[in-house]
Amino acid sequence: VAATVAPGLMGRTVAGELNVAMVAGLAQFATTF
């Protein structure tokens, strides 16, 4: 929902080329493990 409703938030840069969406997506994998 955040990826579709808040693209500005998800596109915000965290570090270098890494944005909030990438961090949240990687967190999905971490949460699964």
PDB file of all heavy atoms in Angstrom:
ATOM      1  N   VAL A   1       0.838  -1.197   0.000  1.00  0.00           N
ATOM      2  CA  VAL A   1       0.000   0.000   0.000  1.00  0.00           C
ATOM      3  C   VAL A   1       0.874   1.250   0.000  1.00  0.00           C
ATOM      4  O   VAL A   1       0.601   2.217  -0.733  1.00  0.00           O
ATOM      5  CB  VAL A   1      -0.979  -0.017   1.198  1.00  0.00           C
ATOM      6  CG1 VAL A   1      -1.655   1.331   1.395  1.00  0.00           C
ATOM      7  CG2 VAL A   1      -2.013  -1.108   1.005  1.00  0.00           C
ATOM      8  N   ALA A   2       1.922   1.269   0.786  1.00  0.00           N
ATOM      9  CA  ALA A   2       2.813   2.437   0.821  1.00  0.00           C
ATOM     10  C   ALA A   2       3.482   2.648  -0.536  1.00  0.00           C
ATOM     11  O   ALA A   2       3.675   3.794  -0.964  1.00  0.00           O
ATOM     12  CB  ALA A   2       3.874   2.252   1.905  1.00  0.00           C
ATOM     13  N   ALA A   3       3.818   1.565  -1.213  1.00  0.00           N
ATOM     14  CA  ALA A   3       4.452   1.683  -2.527  1.00  0.00           C
ATOM     15  C   ALA A   3       3.493   2.287  -3.551  1.00  0.00           C
ATOM     16  O   ALA A   3       3.931   3.008  -4.458  1.00  0.00           O
ATOM     17  CB  ALA A   3       4.947   0.327  -3.002  1.00  0.00           C
ATOM     18  N   THR A   4       2.195   2.013  -3.424  1.00  0.00           N
ATOM     19  CA  THR A   4       1.232   2.543  -4.396  1.00  0.00           C
ATOM     20  C   THR A   4       0.663   3.886  -3.998  1.00  0.00           C
ATOM     21  O   THR A   4       0.412   4.734  -4.851  1.00  0.00           O
ATOM     22  CB  THR A   4       0.073   1.544  -4.608  1.00  0.00           C
ATOM     23  OG1 THR A   4      -0.549   1.281  -3.356  1.00  0.00           O
ATOM     24  CG2 THR A   4       0.564   0.258  -5.217  1.00  0.00           C
ATOM     25  N   VAL A   5       0.466   4.126  -2.704  1.00  0.00           N
ATOM     26  CA  VAL A   5      -0.175   5.357  -2.238  1.00  0.00           C
ATOM     27  C   VAL A   5       0.839   6.475  -1.987  1.00  0.00           C
ATOM     28  O   VAL A   5       0.529   7.648  -2.201  1.00  0.00           O
ATOM     29  CB  VAL A   5      -0.991   5.068  -0.955  1.00  0.00           C
ATOM     30  CG1 VAL A   5      -1.544   6.330  -0.341  1.00  0.00           C
ATOM     31  CG2 VAL A   5      -2.111   4.093  -1.242  1.00  0.00           C
ATOM     32  N   ALA A   6       2.015   6.128  -1.519  1.00  0.00           N
ATOM     33  CA  ALA A   6       2.998   7.147  -1.151  1.00  0.00           C
ATOM     34  C   ALA A   6       4.303   6.936  -1.917  1.00  0.00           C
ATOM     35  O   ALA A   6       5.347   6.634  -1.316  1.00  0.00           O
ATOM     36  CB  ALA A   6       3.246   7.106   0.350  1.00  0.00           C
ATOM     37  N   PRO A   7       4.292   7.131  -3.248  1.00  0.00           N
ATOM     38  CA  PRO A   7       5.535   6.920  -4.003  1.00  0.00           C
ATOM     39  C   PRO A   7       6.625   7.925  -3.630  1.00  0.00           C
ATOM     40  O   PRO A   7       7.809   7.612  -3.717  1.00  0.00           O
ATOM     41  CB  PRO A   7       5.110   7.057  -5.456  1.00  0.00           C
ATOM     42  CG  PRO A   7       3.824   7.797  -5.430  1.00  0.00           C
ATOM     43  CD  PRO A   7       3.184   7.503  -4.116  1.00  0.00           C
ATOM     44  N   GLY A   8       6.221   9.109  -3.187  1.00  0.00           N
ATOM     45  CA  GLY A   8       7.218  10.103  -2.766  1.00  0.00           C
ATOM     46  C   GLY A   8       7.990   9.633  -1.541  1.00  0.00           C
ATOM     47  O   GLY A   8       9.211   9.789  -1.469  1.00  0.00           O
ATOM     48  N   LEU A   9       7.265   9.070  -0.585  1.00  0.00           N
ATOM     49  CA  LEU A   9       7.914   8.548   0.622  1.00  0.00           C
ATOM     50  C   LEU A   9       8.812   7.359   0.280  1.00  0.00           C
ATOM     51  O   LEU A   9       9.954   7.283   0.741  1.00  0.00           O
ATOM     52  CB  LEU A   9       6.860   8.106   1.648  1.00  0.00           C
ATOM     53  CG  LEU A   9       7.396   7.325   2.853  1.00  0.00           C
ATOM     54  CD1 LEU A   9       8.229   8.233   3.739  1.00  0.00           C
ATOM     55  CD2 LEU A   9       6.272   6.683   3.612  1.00  0.00           C
ATOM     56  N   MET A  10       8.301   6.438  -0.520  1.00  0.00           N
ATOM     57  CA  MET A  10       9.076   5.248  -0.857  1.00  0.00           C
ATOM     58  C   MET A  10      10.287   5.573  -1.731  1.00  0.00           C
ATOM     59  O   MET A  10      11.278   4.852  -1.701  1.00  0.00           O
ATOM     60  CB  MET A  10       8.194   4.221  -1.567  1.00  0.00           C
ATOM     61  CG  MET A  10       7.033   3.731  -0.715  1.00  0.00           C
ATOM     62  SD  MET A  10       7.557   2.931   0.792  1.00  0.00           S
ATOM     63  CE  MET A  10       7.711   1.271   0.211  1.00  0.00           C
ATOM     64  N   GLY A  11      10.221   6.673  -2.477  1.00  0.00           N
ATOM     65  CA  GLY A  11      11.342   7.053  -3.337  1.00  0.00           C
ATOM     66  C   GLY A  11      12.378   7.908  -2.638  1.00  0.00           C
ATOM     67  O   GLY A  11      13.417   8.236  -3.217  1.00  0.00           O
ATOM     68  N   ARG A  12      12.133   8.269  -1.389  1.00  0.00           N
ATOM     69  CA  ARG A  12      13.076   9.113  -0.649  1.00  0.00           C
ATOM     70  C   ARG A  12      14.392   8.373  -0.447  1.00  0.00           C
ATOM     71  O   ARG A  12      14.439   7.218  -0.035  1.00  0.00           O
ATOM     72  CB  ARG A  12      12.467   9.483   0.705  1.00  0.00           C
ATOM     73  CG  ARG A  12      13.337  10.470   1.468  1.00  0.00           C
ATOM     74  CD  ARG A  12      12.648  11.031   2.676  1.00  0.00           C
ATOM     75  NE  ARG A  12      11.529  11.871   2.219  1.00  0.00           N
ATOM     76  CZ  ARG A  12      10.445  12.094   2.933  1.00  0.00           C
ATOM     77  NH1 ARG A  12      10.308  11.553   4.123  1.00  0.00           N
ATOM     78  NH2 ARG A  12       9.489  12.866   2.467  1.00  0.00           N
ATOM     79  N   THR A  13      15.477   9.050  -0.730  1.00  0.00           N
ATOM     80  CA  THR A  13      16.812   8.461  -0.639  1.00  0.00           C
ATOM     81  C   THR A  13      17.224   8.293   0.817  1.00  0.00           C
ATOM     82  O   THR A  13      17.067   9.196   1.634  1.00  0.00           O
ATOM     83  CB  THR A  13      17.835   9.343  -1.368  1.00  0.00           C
ATOM     84  OG1 THR A  13      17.418   9.495  -2.722  1.00  0.00           O
ATOM     85  CG2 THR A  13      19.204   8.725  -1.334  1.00  0.00           C
ATOM     86  N   VAL A  14      17.775   7.124   1.113  1.00  0.00           N
ATOM     87  CA  VAL A  14      18.281   6.842   2.458  1.00  0.00           C
ATOM     88  C   VAL A  14      19.792   7.036   2.478  1.00  0.00           C
ATOM     89  O   VAL A  14      20.322   7.745   3.324  1.00  0.00           O
ATOM     90  CB  VAL A  14      17.909   5.407   2.895  1.00  0.00           C
ATOM     91  CG1 VAL A  14      18.543   5.055   4.217  1.00  0.00           C
ATOM     92  CG2 VAL A  14      16.410   5.243   2.950  1.00  0.00           C
ATOM     93  N   ALA A  15      20.475   6.405   1.534  1.00  0.00           N
ATOM     94  CA  ALA A  15      21.929   6.523   1.428  1.00  0.00           C
ATOM     95  C   ALA A  15      22.333   6.171   0.001  1.00  0.00           C
ATOM     96  O   ALA A  15      22.061   5.066  -0.462  1.00  0.00           O
ATOM     97  CB  ALA A  15      22.628   5.595   2.417  1.00  0.00           C
ATOM     98  N   GLY A  16      22.943   7.091  -0.687  1.00  0.00           N
ATOM     99  CA  GLY A  16      23.385   6.834  -2.061  1.00  0.00           C
ATOM    100  C   GLY A  16      22.197   6.529  -2.960  1.00  0.00           C
ATOM    101  O   GLY A  16      21.265   7.300  -3.064  1.00  0.00           O
ATOM    102  N   GLU A  17      22.232   5.372  -3.602  1.00  0.00           N
ATOM    103  CA  GLU A  17      21.132   4.945  -4.484  1.00  0.00           C
ATOM    104  C   GLU A  17      20.053   4.166  -3.733  1.00  0.00           C
ATOM    105  O   GLU A  17      19.058   3.761  -4.317  1.00  0.00           O
ATOM    106  CB  GLU A  17      21.688   4.063  -5.610  1.00  0.00           C
ATOM    107  CG  GLU A  17      22.622   4.788  -6.556  1.00  0.00           C
ATOM    108  CD  GLU A  17      21.903   5.851  -7.376  1.00  0.00           C
ATOM    109  OE1 GLU A  17      20.772   5.595  -7.835  1.00  0.00           O
ATOM    110  OE2 GLU A  17      22.473   6.938  -7.528  1.00  0.00           O
ATOM    111  N   LEU A  18      20.239   3.963  -2.456  1.00  0.00           N
ATOM    112  CA  LEU A  18      19.311   3.182  -1.642  1.00  0.00           C
ATOM    113  C   LEU A  18      18.161   4.064  -1.181  1.00  0.00           C
ATOM    114  O   LEU A  18      18.374   5.088  -0.528  1.00  0.00           O
ATOM    115  CB  LEU A  18      20.070   2.612  -0.437  1.00  0.00           C
ATOM    116  CG  LEU A  18      19.401   1.514   0.364  1.00  0.00           C
ATOM    117  CD1 LEU A  18      19.229   0.266  -0.500  1.00  0.00           C
ATOM    118  CD2 LEU A  18      20.242   1.183   1.576  1.00  0.00           C
ATOM    119  N   ASN A  19      16.914   3.655  -1.498  1.00  0.00           N
ATOM    120  CA  ASN A  19      15.764   4.439  -1.072  1.00  0.00           C
ATOM    121  C   ASN A  19      14.923   3.664  -0.061  1.00  0.00           C
ATOM    122  O   ASN A  19      15.215   2.510   0.260  1.00  0.00           O
ATOM    123  CB  ASN A  19      14.926   4.883  -2.287  1.00  0.00           C
ATOM    124  CG  ASN A  19      14.358   3.728  -3.064  1.00  0.00           C
ATOM    125  OD1 ASN A  19      14.252   2.622  -2.566  1.00  0.00           O
ATOM    126  ND2 ASN A  19      13.989   3.986  -4.314  1.00  0.00           N
ATOM    127  N   VAL A  20      13.869   4.285   0.432  1.00  0.00           N
ATOM    128  CA  VAL A  20      13.020   3.686   1.466  1.00  0.00           C
ATOM    129  C   VAL A  20      12.379   2.396   0.955  1.00  0.00           C
ATOM    130  O   VAL A  20      12.275   1.415   1.695  1.00  0.00           O
ATOM    131  CB  VAL A  20      11.945   4.697   1.931  1.00  0.00           C
ATOM    132  CG1 VAL A  20      10.946   4.044   2.874  1.00  0.00           C
ATOM    133  CG2 VAL A  20      12.592   5.900   2.602  1.00  0.00           C
ATOM    134  N   ALA A  21      11.949   2.364  -0.302  1.00  0.00           N
ATOM    135  CA  ALA A  21      11.315   1.168  -0.856  1.00  0.00           C
ATOM    136  C   ALA A  21      12.285  -0.015  -0.862  1.00  0.00           C
ATOM    137  O   ALA A  21      11.893  -1.145  -0.554  1.00  0.00           O
ATOM    138  CB  ALA A  21      10.815   1.443  -2.270  1.00  0.00           C
ATOM    139  N   MET A  22      13.536   0.225  -1.210  1.00  0.00           N
ATOM    140  CA  MET A  22      14.522  -0.858  -1.217  1.00  0.00           C
ATOM    141  C   MET A  22      14.790  -1.368   0.197  1.00  0.00           C
ATOM    142  O   MET A  22      14.883  -2.575   0.417  1.00  0.00           O
ATOM    143  CB  MET A  22      15.827  -0.394  -1.857  1.00  0.00           C
ATOM    144  CG  MET A  22      15.749  -0.196  -3.330  1.00  0.00           C
ATOM    145  SD  MET A  22      17.350   0.397  -3.893  1.00  0.00           S
ATOM    146  CE  MET A  22      17.220   0.134  -5.629  1.00  0.00           C
ATOM    147  N   VAL A  23      14.887  -0.449   1.141  1.00  0.00           N
ATOM    148  CA  VAL A  23      15.114  -0.844   2.533  1.00  0.00           C
ATOM    149  C   VAL A  23      13.932  -1.668   3.039  1.00  0.00           C
ATOM    150  O   VAL A  23      14.110  -2.721   3.672  1.00  0.00           O
ATOM    151  CB  VAL A  23      15.353   0.393   3.426  1.00  0.00           C
ATOM    152  CG1 VAL A  23      15.355   0.013   4.887  1.00  0.00           C
ATOM    153  CG2 VAL A  23      16.656   1.074   3.047  1.00  0.00           C
ATOM    154  N   ALA A  24      12.702  -1.198   2.746  1.00  0.00           N
ATOM    155  CA  ALA A  24      11.518  -1.942   3.179  1.00  0.00           C
ATOM    156  C   ALA A  24      11.433  -3.298   2.487  1.00  0.00           C
ATOM    157  O   ALA A  24      11.047  -4.296   3.105  1.00  0.00           O
ATOM    158  CB  ALA A  24      10.262  -1.124   2.912  1.00  0.00           C
ATOM    159  N   GLY A  25      11.790  -3.373   1.210  1.00  0.00           N
ATOM    160  CA  GLY A  25      11.782  -4.647   0.498  1.00  0.00           C
ATOM    161  C   GLY A  25      12.795  -5.619   1.075  1.00  0.00           C
ATOM    162  O   GLY A  25      12.495  -6.814   1.244  1.00  0.00           O
ATOM    163  N   LEU A  26      13.988  -5.136   1.391  1.00  0.00           N
ATOM    164  CA  LEU A  26      14.996  -6.000   2.023  1.00  0.00           C
ATOM    165  C   LEU A  26      14.557  -6.401   3.434  1.00  0.00           C
ATOM    166  O   LEU A  26      14.852  -7.515   3.885  1.00  0.00           O
ATOM    167  CB  LEU A  26      16.352  -5.301   2.053  1.00  0.00           C
ATOM    168  CG  LEU A  26      17.001  -5.118   0.669  1.00  0.00           C
ATOM    169  CD1 LEU A  26      18.251  -4.240   0.789  1.00  0.00           C
ATOM    170  CD2 LEU A  26      17.337  -6.452   0.040  1.00  0.00           C
ATOM    171  N   ALA A  27      13.847  -5.504   4.103  1.00  0.00           N
ATOM    172  CA  ALA A  27      13.329  -5.829   5.433  1.00  0.00           C
ATOM    173  C   ALA A  27      12.293  -6.951   5.358  1.00  0.00           C
ATOM    174  O   ALA A  27      12.128  -7.720   6.310  1.00  0.00           O
ATOM    175  CB  ALA A  27      12.735  -4.601   6.098  1.00  0.00           C
ATOM    176  N   GLN A  28      11.589  -7.070   4.223  1.00  0.00           N
ATOM    177  CA  GLN A  28      10.652  -8.179   4.041  1.00  0.00           C
ATOM    178  C   GLN A  28      11.404  -9.521   4.097  1.00  0.00           C
ATOM    179  O   GLN A  28      10.940 -10.465   4.730  1.00  0.00           O
ATOM    180  CB  GLN A  28       9.927  -8.061   2.696  1.00  0.00           C
ATOM    181  CG  GLN A  28       8.948  -6.930   2.604  1.00  0.00           C
ATOM    182  CD  GLN A  28       7.670  -7.210   3.349  1.00  0.00           C
ATOM    183  OE1 GLN A  28       7.177  -8.329   3.361  1.00  0.00           O
ATOM    184  NE2 GLN A  28       7.151  -6.180   3.988  1.00  0.00           N
ATOM    185  N   PHE A  29      12.556  -9.569   3.433  1.00  0.00           N
ATOM    186  CA  PHE A  29      13.367 -10.790   3.475  1.00  0.00           C
ATOM    187  C   PHE A  29      13.867 -11.059   4.897  1.00  0.00           C
ATOM    188  O   PHE A  29      13.813 -12.191   5.382  1.00  0.00           O
ATOM    189  CB  PHE A  29      14.557 -10.690   2.520  1.00  0.00           C
ATOM    190  CG  PHE A  29      14.190 -10.833   1.086  1.00  0.00           C
ATOM    191  CD1 PHE A  29      14.138  -9.720   0.270  1.00  0.00           C
ATOM    192  CD2 PHE A  29      13.886 -12.073   0.553  1.00  0.00           C
ATOM    193  CE1 PHE A  29      13.793  -9.840  -1.062  1.00  0.00           C
ATOM    194  CE2 PHE A  29      13.538 -12.210  -0.779  1.00  0.00           C
ATOM    195  CZ  PHE A  29      13.486 -11.092  -1.594  1.00  0.00           C
ATOM    196  N   ALA A  30      14.351 -10.026   5.558  1.00  0.00           N
ATOM    197  CA  ALA A  30      14.845 -10.186   6.929  1.00  0.00           C
ATOM    198  C   ALA A  30      13.722 -10.663   7.844  1.00  0.00           C
ATOM    199  O   ALA A  30      13.929 -11.535   8.700  1.00  0.00           O
ATOM    200  CB  ALA A  30      15.439  -8.874   7.432  1.00  0.00           C
ATOM    201  N   THR A  31      12.528 -10.113   7.668  1.00  0.00           N
ATOM    202  CA  THR A  31      11.393 -10.517   8.481  1.00  0.00           C
ATOM    203  C   THR A  31      11.045 -11.983   8.237  1.00  0.00           C
ATOM    204  O   THR A  31      10.708 -12.711   9.174  1.00  0.00           O
ATOM    205  CB  THR A  31      10.175  -9.631   8.176  1.00  0.00           C
ATOM    206  OG1 THR A  31      10.532  -8.267   8.368  1.00  0.00           O
ATOM    207  CG2 THR A  31       9.009  -9.958   9.074  1.00  0.00           C
ATOM    208  N   THR A  32      11.126 -12.427   6.998  1.00  0.00           N
ATOM    209  CA  THR A  32      10.843 -13.831   6.678  1.00  0.00           C
ATOM    210  C   THR A  32      11.814 -14.753   7.404  1.00  0.00           C
ATOM    211  O   THR A  32      11.399 -15.749   8.014  1.00  0.00           O
ATOM    212  CB  THR A  32      10.940 -14.063   5.160  1.00  0.00           C
ATOM    213  OG1 THR A  32      10.022 -13.206   4.500  1.00  0.00           O
ATOM    214  CG2 THR A  32      10.650 -15.508   4.804  1.00  0.00           C
ATOM    215  N   PHE A  33      13.099 -14.433   7.370  1.00  0.00           N
ATOM    216  CA  PHE A  33      14.089 -15.265   8.058  1.00  0.00           C
ATOM    217  C   PHE A  33      13.896 -15.213   9.575  1.00  0.00           C
ATOM    218  O   PHE A  33      13.999 -16.236  10.252  1.00  0.00           O
ATOM    219  CB  PHE A  33      15.509 -14.851   7.681  1.00  0.00           C
ATOM    220  CG  PHE A  33      15.867 -15.208   6.274  1.00  0.00           C
ATOM    221  CD1 PHE A  33      16.104 -14.228   5.336  1.00  0.00           C
ATOM    222  CD2 PHE A  33      15.938 -16.536   5.874  1.00  0.00           C
ATOM    223  CE1 PHE A  33      16.422 -14.556   4.021  1.00  0.00           C
ATOM    224  CE2 PHE A  33      16.253 -16.880   4.574  1.00  0.00           C
ATOM    225  CZ  PHE A  33      16.496 -15.881   3.645  1.00  0.00           C
TER     226      PHE A  33
END
